[in-house]
Amino acid sequence: MAGTFTPWLTAHHLWLHRAATQRPRPAPDSPRLAPHERILVRDTSADGTECVATDRALYWRITDPACQWSRVDWSAIDQVGWERATHTLHLLAAQPLALRFTGHPRLAELAAERVAAFHVFRRRVSLTPACSVTVTAVRDPDAGAVAWTVCYDPRCDTGDPAVTGAMDEAMHELRSQAGC
């Protein structure tokens, strides 16, 4: 009798396995995702802005379906902040973004976690008494390598040999500390 049920159980378990491991198809109103990109959270802000957070980026658009989706990679976001009093999520990037929600969205915690996952570290380094820089190391999800950026203070003279030499030393030390 056990032999008669085996083919059904095997086929049924195979179907369950395929259903559990296949990537769910995004809703028709979802942004176009990169290969192997997964939707983690979908939310709508208080003003109706649709937000879709994936493992690699945040997408948003206003509620009009005719509008295009905007995208910012988690690795391109420098800072995430949550303003409790106004229920506003602040994302500091090349194009700053502020999204106000009616409650505490899961998106706020996910954004902080994803940005932290991509940023290896950020350090403020004094090169000379008159010149400081901010050095950021960000993990590139596609290449698997770490990208380094240096943001000089406006008063720094990047042509000064003392600044260039101090920057070379600082980068060597930071790379050895980071292990990359």
N, C-alpha and C. Protein backbone atom coordinates (compact mmCIF):
# COMPACT_ATOMS: atom_id res chain seq x y z
N MET A 1 0.81 -1.18 0.00
CA MET A 1 0.00 0.00 0.00
C MET A 1 0.86 1.25 0.00
N ALA A 2 1.99 1.22 0.70
CA ALA A 2 2.87 2.38 0.73
C ALA A 2 3.39 2.70 -0.66
N GLY A 3 3.59 1.68 -1.50
CA GLY A 3 4.09 1.89 -2.86
C GLY A 3 3.11 2.65 -3.73
N THR A 4 1.79 2.51 -3.48
CA THR A 4 0.80 3.20 -4.30
C THR A 4 0.79 4.70 -4.05
N PHE A 5 1.16 5.12 -2.85
CA PHE A 5 1.11 6.54 -2.53
C PHE A 5 2.43 7.25 -2.83
N THR A 6 3.49 6.50 -3.03
CA THR A 6 4.79 7.11 -3.24
C THR A 6 4.82 8.03 -4.45
N PRO A 7 4.32 7.63 -5.65
CA PRO A 7 4.38 8.55 -6.79
C PRO A 7 3.62 9.86 -6.51
N TRP A 8 2.45 9.80 -5.86
CA TRP A 8 1.70 11.02 -5.57
C TRP A 8 2.46 11.89 -4.60
N LEU A 9 3.03 11.28 -3.54
CA LEU A 9 3.78 12.05 -2.56
C LEU A 9 5.01 12.69 -3.21
N THR A 10 5.69 11.96 -4.04
CA THR A 10 6.87 12.49 -4.70
C THR A 10 6.50 13.66 -5.59
N ALA A 11 5.46 13.49 -6.40
CA ALA A 11 5.03 14.57 -7.29
C ALA A 11 4.53 15.77 -6.48
N HIS A 12 3.80 15.50 -5.41
CA HIS A 12 3.27 16.57 -4.58
C HIS A 12 4.41 17.34 -3.90
N HIS A 13 5.40 16.61 -3.37
CA HIS A 13 6.53 17.27 -2.73
C HIS A 13 7.37 18.05 -3.74
N LEU A 14 7.49 17.52 -4.96
CA LEU A 14 8.22 18.23 -6.00
C LEU A 14 7.50 19.54 -6.33
N TRP A 15 6.18 19.51 -6.42
CA TRP A 15 5.41 20.71 -6.70
C TRP A 15 5.58 21.73 -5.57
N LEU A 16 5.52 21.26 -4.31
CA LEU A 16 5.72 22.16 -3.17
C LEU A 16 7.11 22.77 -3.18
N HIS A 17 8.11 21.96 -3.51
CA HIS A 17 9.48 22.46 -3.57
C HIS A 17 9.62 23.54 -4.64
N ARG A 18 9.08 23.29 -5.82
CA ARG A 18 9.15 24.29 -6.90
C ARG A 18 8.42 25.56 -6.52
N ALA A 19 7.25 25.43 -5.90
CA ALA A 19 6.47 26.61 -5.51
C ALA A 19 7.22 27.43 -4.46
N ALA A 20 7.93 26.76 -3.57
CA ALA A 20 8.63 27.47 -2.50
C ALA A 20 9.93 28.10 -2.98
N THR A 21 10.58 27.53 -3.99
CA THR A 21 11.88 28.02 -4.41
C THR A 21 11.83 28.93 -5.63
N GLN A 22 10.74 28.95 -6.36
CA GLN A 22 10.65 29.82 -7.52
C GLN A 22 10.49 31.26 -7.08
N ARG A 23 11.12 32.16 -7.80
CA ARG A 23 11.03 33.59 -7.50
C ARG A 23 9.60 34.05 -7.79
N PRO A 24 8.97 34.71 -6.81
CA PRO A 24 7.62 35.20 -7.08
C PRO A 24 7.65 36.27 -8.15
N ARG A 25 6.65 36.26 -8.98
CA ARG A 25 6.58 37.27 -10.03
C ARG A 25 6.11 38.58 -9.42
N PRO A 26 6.80 39.69 -9.76
CA PRO A 26 6.37 40.96 -9.23
C PRO A 26 4.99 41.34 -9.76
N ALA A 27 4.28 42.12 -8.97
CA ALA A 27 2.97 42.60 -9.40
C ALA A 27 3.15 43.43 -10.67
N PRO A 28 2.11 43.53 -11.49
CA PRO A 28 2.25 44.26 -12.75
C PRO A 28 2.64 45.73 -12.55
N ASP A 29 2.32 46.31 -11.40
CA ASP A 29 2.66 47.70 -11.16
C ASP A 29 4.00 47.86 -10.44
N SER A 30 4.81 46.81 -10.42
CA SER A 30 6.12 46.86 -9.77
C SER A 30 7.15 47.48 -10.70
N PRO A 31 8.22 48.00 -10.14
CA PRO A 31 9.30 48.52 -10.99
C PRO A 31 10.01 47.36 -11.70
N ARG A 32 10.68 47.67 -12.78
CA ARG A 32 11.46 46.65 -13.49
C ARG A 32 12.72 46.37 -12.67
N LEU A 33 12.88 45.13 -12.24
CA LEU A 33 13.99 44.75 -11.37
C LEU A 33 15.15 44.19 -12.16
N ALA A 34 16.33 44.29 -11.57
CA ALA A 34 17.53 43.67 -12.15
C ALA A 34 17.44 42.16 -11.95
N PRO A 35 18.17 41.37 -12.73
CA PRO A 35 18.16 39.93 -12.52
C PRO A 35 18.57 39.58 -11.09
N HIS A 36 17.89 38.66 -10.50
CA HIS A 36 18.14 38.17 -9.14
C HIS A 36 17.84 39.19 -8.05
N GLU A 37 17.21 40.30 -8.39
CA GLU A 37 16.82 41.29 -7.38
C GLU A 37 15.49 40.85 -6.78
N ARG A 38 15.36 40.95 -5.46
CA ARG A 38 14.16 40.48 -4.78
C ARG A 38 13.45 41.62 -4.04
N ILE A 39 12.13 41.65 -4.15
CA ILE A 39 11.34 42.63 -3.40
C ILE A 39 11.26 42.16 -1.95
N LEU A 40 11.60 43.06 -1.02
CA LEU A 40 11.56 42.74 0.40
C LEU A 40 10.39 43.42 1.10
N VAL A 41 10.11 44.67 0.75
CA VAL A 41 9.03 45.43 1.39
C VAL A 41 8.36 46.32 0.35
N ARG A 42 7.06 46.42 0.47
CA ARG A 42 6.28 47.34 -0.36
C ARG A 42 5.44 48.17 0.60
N ASP A 43 5.48 49.50 0.44
CA ASP A 43 4.75 50.39 1.35
C ASP A 43 4.31 51.63 0.58
N THR A 44 3.40 52.37 1.16
CA THR A 44 2.92 53.62 0.57
C THR A 44 3.03 54.71 1.62
N SER A 45 3.60 55.85 1.22
CA SER A 45 3.78 56.96 2.17
C SER A 45 2.45 57.69 2.36
N ALA A 46 2.43 58.64 3.31
CA ALA A 46 1.21 59.37 3.63
C ALA A 46 0.69 60.17 2.45
N ASP A 47 1.58 60.64 1.58
CA ASP A 47 1.13 61.42 0.41
C ASP A 47 0.83 60.54 -0.80
N GLY A 48 0.90 59.23 -0.63
CA GLY A 48 0.56 58.31 -1.71
C GLY A 48 1.73 57.84 -2.55
N THR A 49 2.94 58.21 -2.18
CA THR A 49 4.12 57.74 -2.92
C THR A 49 4.29 56.25 -2.69
N GLU A 50 4.35 55.50 -3.79
CA GLU A 50 4.56 54.06 -3.69
C GLU A 50 6.05 53.80 -3.49
N CYS A 51 6.39 52.90 -2.58
CA CYS A 51 7.78 52.55 -2.30
C CYS A 51 7.94 51.04 -2.40
N VAL A 52 8.97 50.62 -3.09
CA VAL A 52 9.31 49.21 -3.19
C VAL A 52 10.78 49.07 -2.82
N ALA A 53 11.05 48.33 -1.77
CA ALA A 53 12.42 48.09 -1.33
C ALA A 53 12.83 46.69 -1.73
N THR A 54 13.98 46.59 -2.38
CA THR A 54 14.51 45.29 -2.76
C THR A 54 15.80 45.05 -1.98
N ASP A 55 16.43 43.93 -2.24
CA ASP A 55 17.70 43.65 -1.58
C ASP A 55 18.81 44.55 -2.10
N ARG A 56 18.60 45.25 -3.22
CA ARG A 56 19.64 46.08 -3.81
C ARG A 56 19.33 47.56 -3.88
N ALA A 57 18.05 47.94 -3.85
CA ALA A 57 17.71 49.34 -4.08
C ALA A 57 16.34 49.69 -3.51
N LEU A 58 16.07 50.99 -3.50
CA LEU A 58 14.75 51.52 -3.16
C LEU A 58 14.18 52.16 -4.41
N TYR A 59 12.94 51.80 -4.73
CA TYR A 59 12.22 52.38 -5.85
C TYR A 59 11.06 53.19 -5.29
N TRP A 60 10.72 54.28 -5.96
CA TRP A 60 9.54 55.05 -5.54
C TRP A 60 8.95 55.78 -6.73
N ARG A 61 7.65 56.05 -6.63
CA ARG A 61 6.95 56.87 -7.61
C ARG A 61 5.67 57.37 -6.96
N ILE A 62 5.17 58.47 -7.49
CA ILE A 62 3.90 58.96 -6.98
C ILE A 62 2.81 58.03 -7.47
N THR A 63 1.61 58.13 -6.91
CA THR A 63 0.58 57.12 -7.15
C THR A 63 0.12 57.01 -8.59
N ASP A 64 0.37 57.98 -9.42
CA ASP A 64 -0.06 57.92 -10.81
C ASP A 64 0.69 56.80 -11.53
N PRO A 65 0.00 55.74 -11.97
CA PRO A 65 0.69 54.63 -12.64
C PRO A 65 1.41 55.04 -13.91
N ALA A 66 1.07 56.20 -14.48
CA ALA A 66 1.75 56.65 -15.69
C ALA A 66 3.15 57.17 -15.39
N CYS A 67 3.43 57.46 -14.12
CA CYS A 67 4.75 57.98 -13.73
C CYS A 67 5.78 56.86 -13.72
N GLN A 68 7.01 57.22 -14.03
CA GLN A 68 8.11 56.27 -14.02
C GLN A 68 8.59 56.04 -12.59
N TRP A 69 9.15 54.88 -12.35
CA TRP A 69 9.75 54.57 -11.06
C TRP A 69 11.12 55.22 -11.00
N SER A 70 11.48 55.78 -9.84
CA SER A 70 12.83 56.27 -9.58
C SER A 70 13.53 55.21 -8.75
N ARG A 71 14.85 55.16 -8.86
CA ARG A 71 15.62 54.12 -8.16
C ARG A 71 16.86 54.74 -7.54
N VAL A 72 17.19 54.31 -6.34
CA VAL A 72 18.47 54.64 -5.72
C VAL A 72 19.01 53.36 -5.09
N ASP A 73 20.24 53.03 -5.43
CA ASP A 73 20.88 51.84 -4.85
C ASP A 73 21.16 52.08 -3.38
N TRP A 74 21.04 51.04 -2.56
CA TRP A 74 21.36 51.17 -1.14
C TRP A 74 22.80 51.64 -0.96
N SER A 75 23.69 51.21 -1.85
CA SER A 75 25.09 51.60 -1.74
C SER A 75 25.32 53.08 -2.02
N ALA A 76 24.36 53.74 -2.68
CA ALA A 76 24.48 55.16 -3.01
C ALA A 76 23.90 56.06 -1.92
N ILE A 77 23.27 55.47 -0.92
CA ILE A 77 22.69 56.25 0.17
C ILE A 77 23.74 56.39 1.27
N ASP A 78 24.00 57.65 1.64
CA ASP A 78 25.03 57.91 2.65
C ASP A 78 24.50 57.76 4.07
N GLN A 79 23.25 58.14 4.27
CA GLN A 79 22.73 58.15 5.64
C GLN A 79 21.22 57.93 5.62
N VAL A 80 20.73 57.24 6.65
CA VAL A 80 19.30 57.00 6.83
C VAL A 80 18.90 57.56 8.18
N GLY A 81 17.80 58.28 8.21
CA GLY A 81 17.31 58.81 9.47
C GLY A 81 15.81 58.65 9.59
N TRP A 82 15.34 58.44 10.79
CA TRP A 82 13.90 58.31 11.05
C TRP A 82 13.51 59.39 12.05
N GLU A 83 12.62 60.26 11.65
CA GLU A 83 12.13 61.33 12.51
C GLU A 83 10.81 60.86 13.12
N ARG A 84 10.86 60.49 14.39
CA ARG A 84 9.71 59.88 15.06
C ARG A 84 8.51 60.83 15.13
N ALA A 85 8.74 62.10 15.43
CA ALA A 85 7.65 63.05 15.63
C ALA A 85 6.80 63.24 14.37
N THR A 86 7.44 63.24 13.21
CA THR A 86 6.70 63.46 11.96
C THR A 86 6.54 62.19 11.13
N HIS A 87 7.05 61.08 11.63
CA HIS A 87 7.01 59.79 10.91
C HIS A 87 7.63 59.93 9.52
N THR A 88 8.81 60.56 9.48
CA THR A 88 9.47 60.81 8.20
C THR A 88 10.77 60.04 8.10
N LEU A 89 10.92 59.35 6.97
CA LEU A 89 12.14 58.63 6.66
C LEU A 89 12.99 59.54 5.78
N HIS A 90 14.22 59.85 6.22
CA HIS A 90 15.14 60.70 5.46
C HIS A 90 16.25 59.83 4.90
N LEU A 91 16.47 59.96 3.60
CA LEU A 91 17.56 59.25 2.94
C LEU A 91 18.48 60.29 2.33
N LEU A 92 19.72 60.32 2.78
CA LEU A 92 20.70 61.28 2.27
C LEU A 92 21.51 60.60 1.19
N ALA A 93 21.34 61.08 -0.02
CA ALA A 93 22.06 60.55 -1.19
C ALA A 93 22.29 61.73 -2.13
N ALA A 94 22.74 61.45 -3.35
CA ALA A 94 22.93 62.52 -4.33
C ALA A 94 21.63 63.29 -4.52
N GLN A 95 20.52 62.58 -4.49
CA GLN A 95 19.19 63.19 -4.55
C GLN A 95 18.51 62.87 -3.21
N PRO A 96 18.57 63.82 -2.23
CA PRO A 96 17.96 63.52 -0.92
C PRO A 96 16.47 63.22 -1.07
N LEU A 97 15.98 62.36 -0.22
CA LEU A 97 14.59 61.92 -0.28
C LEU A 97 14.01 61.90 1.12
N ALA A 98 12.82 62.44 1.27
CA ALA A 98 12.11 62.39 2.55
C ALA A 98 10.72 61.83 2.28
N LEU A 99 10.37 60.76 2.98
CA LEU A 99 9.07 60.11 2.82
C LEU A 99 8.36 60.12 4.17
N ARG A 100 7.15 60.66 4.21
CA ARG A 100 6.40 60.72 5.45
C ARG A 100 5.35 59.60 5.43
N PHE A 101 5.27 58.87 6.55
CA PHE A 101 4.34 57.75 6.66
C PHE A 101 3.33 58.04 7.76
N THR A 102 2.25 57.27 7.80
CA THR A 102 1.23 57.46 8.83
C THR A 102 1.61 56.74 10.12
N GLY A 103 2.46 55.78 10.06
CA GLY A 103 2.92 55.05 11.24
C GLY A 103 4.38 54.74 11.08
N HIS A 104 4.86 53.75 11.80
CA HIS A 104 6.26 53.35 11.68
C HIS A 104 6.34 52.23 10.64
N PRO A 105 6.84 52.54 9.45
CA PRO A 105 6.88 51.52 8.40
C PRO A 105 8.05 50.56 8.57
N ARG A 106 7.87 49.38 8.05
CA ARG A 106 8.98 48.42 8.03
C ARG A 106 10.11 48.94 7.15
N LEU A 107 9.76 49.81 6.21
CA LEU A 107 10.74 50.36 5.29
C LEU A 107 11.85 51.11 6.01
N ALA A 108 11.55 51.80 7.11
CA ALA A 108 12.56 52.57 7.84
C ALA A 108 13.65 51.64 8.38
N GLU A 109 13.25 50.54 9.01
CA GLU A 109 14.23 49.60 9.56
C GLU A 109 14.99 48.89 8.45
N LEU A 110 14.28 48.53 7.39
CA LEU A 110 14.94 47.85 6.28
C LEU A 110 15.97 48.77 5.63
N ALA A 111 15.63 50.03 5.43
CA ALA A 111 16.56 50.98 4.81
C ALA A 111 17.83 51.09 5.63
N ALA A 112 17.69 51.23 6.93
CA ALA A 112 18.87 51.33 7.80
C ALA A 112 19.72 50.06 7.72
N GLU A 113 19.08 48.91 7.70
CA GLU A 113 19.80 47.63 7.64
C GLU A 113 20.52 47.47 6.30
N ARG A 114 19.85 47.79 5.20
CA ARG A 114 20.43 47.61 3.87
C ARG A 114 21.60 48.57 3.64
N VAL A 115 21.45 49.84 4.05
CA VAL A 115 22.54 50.80 3.88
C VAL A 115 23.74 50.36 4.71
N ALA A 116 23.51 49.91 5.94
CA ALA A 116 24.62 49.43 6.78
C ALA A 116 25.30 48.22 6.15
N ALA A 117 24.55 47.38 5.47
CA ALA A 117 25.13 46.18 4.86
C ALA A 117 26.08 46.53 3.71
N PHE A 118 25.83 47.63 3.03
CA PHE A 118 26.67 48.01 1.89
C PHE A 118 27.85 48.88 2.30
N HIS A 119 27.71 49.64 3.39
CA HIS A 119 28.79 50.53 3.81
C HIS A 119 29.75 49.79 4.73
N VAL A 120 30.98 49.63 4.27
CA VAL A 120 32.00 48.97 5.07
C VAL A 120 32.37 49.88 6.24
N PHE A 121 32.67 51.13 5.93
CA PHE A 121 32.88 52.12 6.98
C PHE A 121 32.97 53.52 6.39
N ARG A 122 32.90 54.49 7.29
CA ARG A 122 33.07 55.91 6.94
C ARG A 122 33.94 56.54 8.03
N ARG A 123 34.98 57.23 7.61
CA ARG A 123 35.89 57.86 8.58
C ARG A 123 36.16 59.30 8.19
N ARG A 124 36.27 60.13 9.18
CA ARG A 124 36.70 61.51 9.02
C ARG A 124 38.19 61.53 9.33
N VAL A 125 39.00 62.04 8.41
CA VAL A 125 40.45 62.01 8.56
C VAL A 125 41.00 63.43 8.41
N SER A 126 41.83 63.83 9.36
CA SER A 126 42.50 65.13 9.28
C SER A 126 43.85 64.91 8.59
N LEU A 127 44.04 65.54 7.43
CA LEU A 127 45.28 65.37 6.67
C LEU A 127 46.33 66.39 7.08
N THR A 128 45.91 67.63 7.23
CA THR A 128 46.76 68.72 7.70
C THR A 128 45.89 69.54 8.64
N PRO A 129 46.47 70.49 9.36
CA PRO A 129 45.63 71.31 10.24
C PRO A 129 44.50 72.04 9.50
N ALA A 130 44.69 72.32 8.23
CA ALA A 130 43.68 73.06 7.47
C ALA A 130 42.83 72.18 6.57
N CYS A 131 43.09 70.89 6.54
CA CYS A 131 42.39 70.03 5.56
C CYS A 131 41.96 68.71 6.18
N SER A 132 40.66 68.45 6.06
CA SER A 132 40.10 67.16 6.50
C SER A 132 39.28 66.57 5.36
N VAL A 133 39.16 65.26 5.38
CA VAL A 133 38.39 64.56 4.35
C VAL A 133 37.48 63.54 5.02
N THR A 134 36.47 63.11 4.29
CA THR A 134 35.63 61.99 4.71
C THR A 134 35.87 60.86 3.72
N VAL A 135 36.32 59.73 4.23
CA VAL A 135 36.59 58.57 3.39
C VAL A 135 35.50 57.54 3.64
N THR A 136 34.90 57.06 2.56
CA THR A 136 33.83 56.07 2.66
C THR A 136 34.19 54.85 1.82
N ALA A 137 33.97 53.68 2.39
CA ALA A 137 34.17 52.42 1.67
C ALA A 137 32.81 51.75 1.55
N VAL A 138 32.40 51.49 0.30
CA VAL A 138 31.08 50.92 0.02
C VAL A 138 31.25 49.65 -0.80
N ARG A 139 30.54 48.60 -0.40
CA ARG A 139 30.59 47.31 -1.09
C ARG A 139 29.72 47.38 -2.35
N ASP A 140 30.30 47.02 -3.49
CA ASP A 140 29.56 46.97 -4.75
C ASP A 140 28.91 45.60 -4.85
N PRO A 141 27.57 45.52 -4.88
CA PRO A 141 26.90 44.22 -4.86
C PRO A 141 27.16 43.38 -6.10
N ASP A 142 27.41 44.01 -7.25
CA ASP A 142 27.61 43.25 -8.48
C ASP A 142 29.05 42.76 -8.61
N ALA A 143 30.01 43.63 -8.32
CA ALA A 143 31.41 43.27 -8.49
C ALA A 143 31.97 42.55 -7.27
N GLY A 144 31.34 42.75 -6.11
CA GLY A 144 31.85 42.15 -4.88
C GLY A 144 33.06 42.88 -4.32
N ALA A 145 33.47 43.94 -4.99
CA ALA A 145 34.63 44.72 -4.55
C ALA A 145 34.17 45.90 -3.69
N VAL A 146 35.12 46.54 -3.05
CA VAL A 146 34.84 47.72 -2.24
C VAL A 146 35.25 48.95 -3.04
N ALA A 147 34.34 49.91 -3.15
CA ALA A 147 34.63 51.18 -3.83
C ALA A 147 34.93 52.24 -2.76
N TRP A 148 35.99 52.99 -2.97
CA TRP A 148 36.41 54.01 -2.02
C TRP A 148 36.10 55.39 -2.59
N THR A 149 35.53 56.25 -1.75
CA THR A 149 35.32 57.64 -2.16
C THR A 149 35.92 58.55 -1.10
N VAL A 150 36.46 59.66 -1.58
CA VAL A 150 37.06 60.66 -0.70
C VAL A 150 36.37 61.99 -0.97
N CYS A 151 35.86 62.59 0.07
CA CYS A 151 35.20 63.88 -0.05
C CYS A 151 36.05 64.90 0.71
N TYR A 152 36.69 65.79 -0.04
CA TYR A 152 37.56 66.81 0.56
C TYR A 152 36.72 67.98 1.05
N ASP A 153 37.14 68.55 2.18
CA ASP A 153 36.53 69.80 2.65
C ASP A 153 36.84 70.89 1.62
N PRO A 154 35.97 71.88 1.50
CA PRO A 154 36.19 72.94 0.51
C PRO A 154 37.51 73.70 0.70
N ARG A 155 38.00 73.80 1.92
CA ARG A 155 39.23 74.57 2.16
C ARG A 155 40.51 73.78 1.86
N CYS A 156 40.39 72.52 1.46
CA CYS A 156 41.57 71.71 1.15
C CYS A 156 42.17 72.11 -0.19
N ASP A 157 43.48 72.18 -0.23
CA ASP A 157 44.20 72.42 -1.48
C ASP A 157 44.70 71.06 -1.97
N THR A 158 43.97 70.47 -2.91
CA THR A 158 44.31 69.12 -3.37
C THR A 158 45.60 69.08 -4.18
N GLY A 159 46.11 70.24 -4.57
CA GLY A 159 47.38 70.29 -5.29
C GLY A 159 48.58 70.38 -4.36
N ASP A 160 48.33 70.56 -3.07
CA ASP A 160 49.40 70.67 -2.08
C ASP A 160 50.02 69.28 -1.86
N PRO A 161 51.37 69.17 -2.04
CA PRO A 161 52.03 67.86 -1.86
C PRO A 161 51.85 67.29 -0.45
N ALA A 162 51.74 68.16 0.56
CA ALA A 162 51.54 67.67 1.93
C ALA A 162 50.17 66.99 2.04
N VAL A 163 49.16 67.56 1.40
CA VAL A 163 47.81 66.97 1.41
C VAL A 163 47.80 65.65 0.66
N THR A 164 48.42 65.64 -0.53
CA THR A 164 48.44 64.40 -1.33
C THR A 164 49.19 63.28 -0.62
N GLY A 165 50.31 63.60 -0.02
CA GLY A 165 51.08 62.59 0.70
C GLY A 165 50.32 62.07 1.91
N ALA A 166 49.69 62.97 2.66
CA ALA A 166 48.91 62.54 3.83
C ALA A 166 47.72 61.69 3.39
N MET A 167 47.13 62.03 2.24
CA MET A 167 45.98 61.25 1.75
C MET A 167 46.43 59.85 1.35
N ASP A 168 47.58 59.73 0.70
CA ASP A 168 48.10 58.40 0.32
C ASP A 168 48.34 57.55 1.57
N GLU A 169 48.96 58.15 2.60
CA GLU A 169 49.20 57.42 3.84
C GLU A 169 47.90 56.99 4.51
N ALA A 170 46.94 57.91 4.55
CA ALA A 170 45.65 57.62 5.18
C ALA A 170 44.93 56.49 4.45
N MET A 171 44.94 56.52 3.12
CA MET A 171 44.27 55.46 2.36
C MET A 171 44.95 54.11 2.58
N HIS A 172 46.25 54.10 2.62
CA HIS A 172 46.97 52.84 2.87
C HIS A 172 46.57 52.28 4.24
N GLU A 173 46.52 53.13 5.24
CA GLU A 173 46.16 52.69 6.59
C GLU A 173 44.69 52.23 6.66
N LEU A 174 43.80 52.99 6.04
CA LEU A 174 42.38 52.62 6.07
C LEU A 174 42.13 51.31 5.34
N ARG A 175 42.78 51.13 4.20
CA ARG A 175 42.60 49.87 3.45
C ARG A 175 43.12 48.68 4.24
N SER A 176 44.20 48.85 4.96
CA SER A 176 44.73 47.74 5.74
C SER A 176 43.80 47.46 6.94
N GLN A 177 43.22 48.51 7.53
CA GLN A 177 42.27 48.31 8.61
C GLN A 177 41.02 47.60 8.13
N ALA A 178 40.57 47.96 6.93
CA ALA A 178 39.35 47.36 6.38
C ALA A 178 39.61 45.97 5.79
N GLY A 179 40.86 45.65 5.52
CA GLY A 179 41.18 44.35 4.94
C GLY A 179 40.86 44.27 3.47
N CYS A 180 40.85 45.42 2.81
CA CYS A 180 40.57 45.40 1.35
C CYS A 180 41.29 46.53 0.64
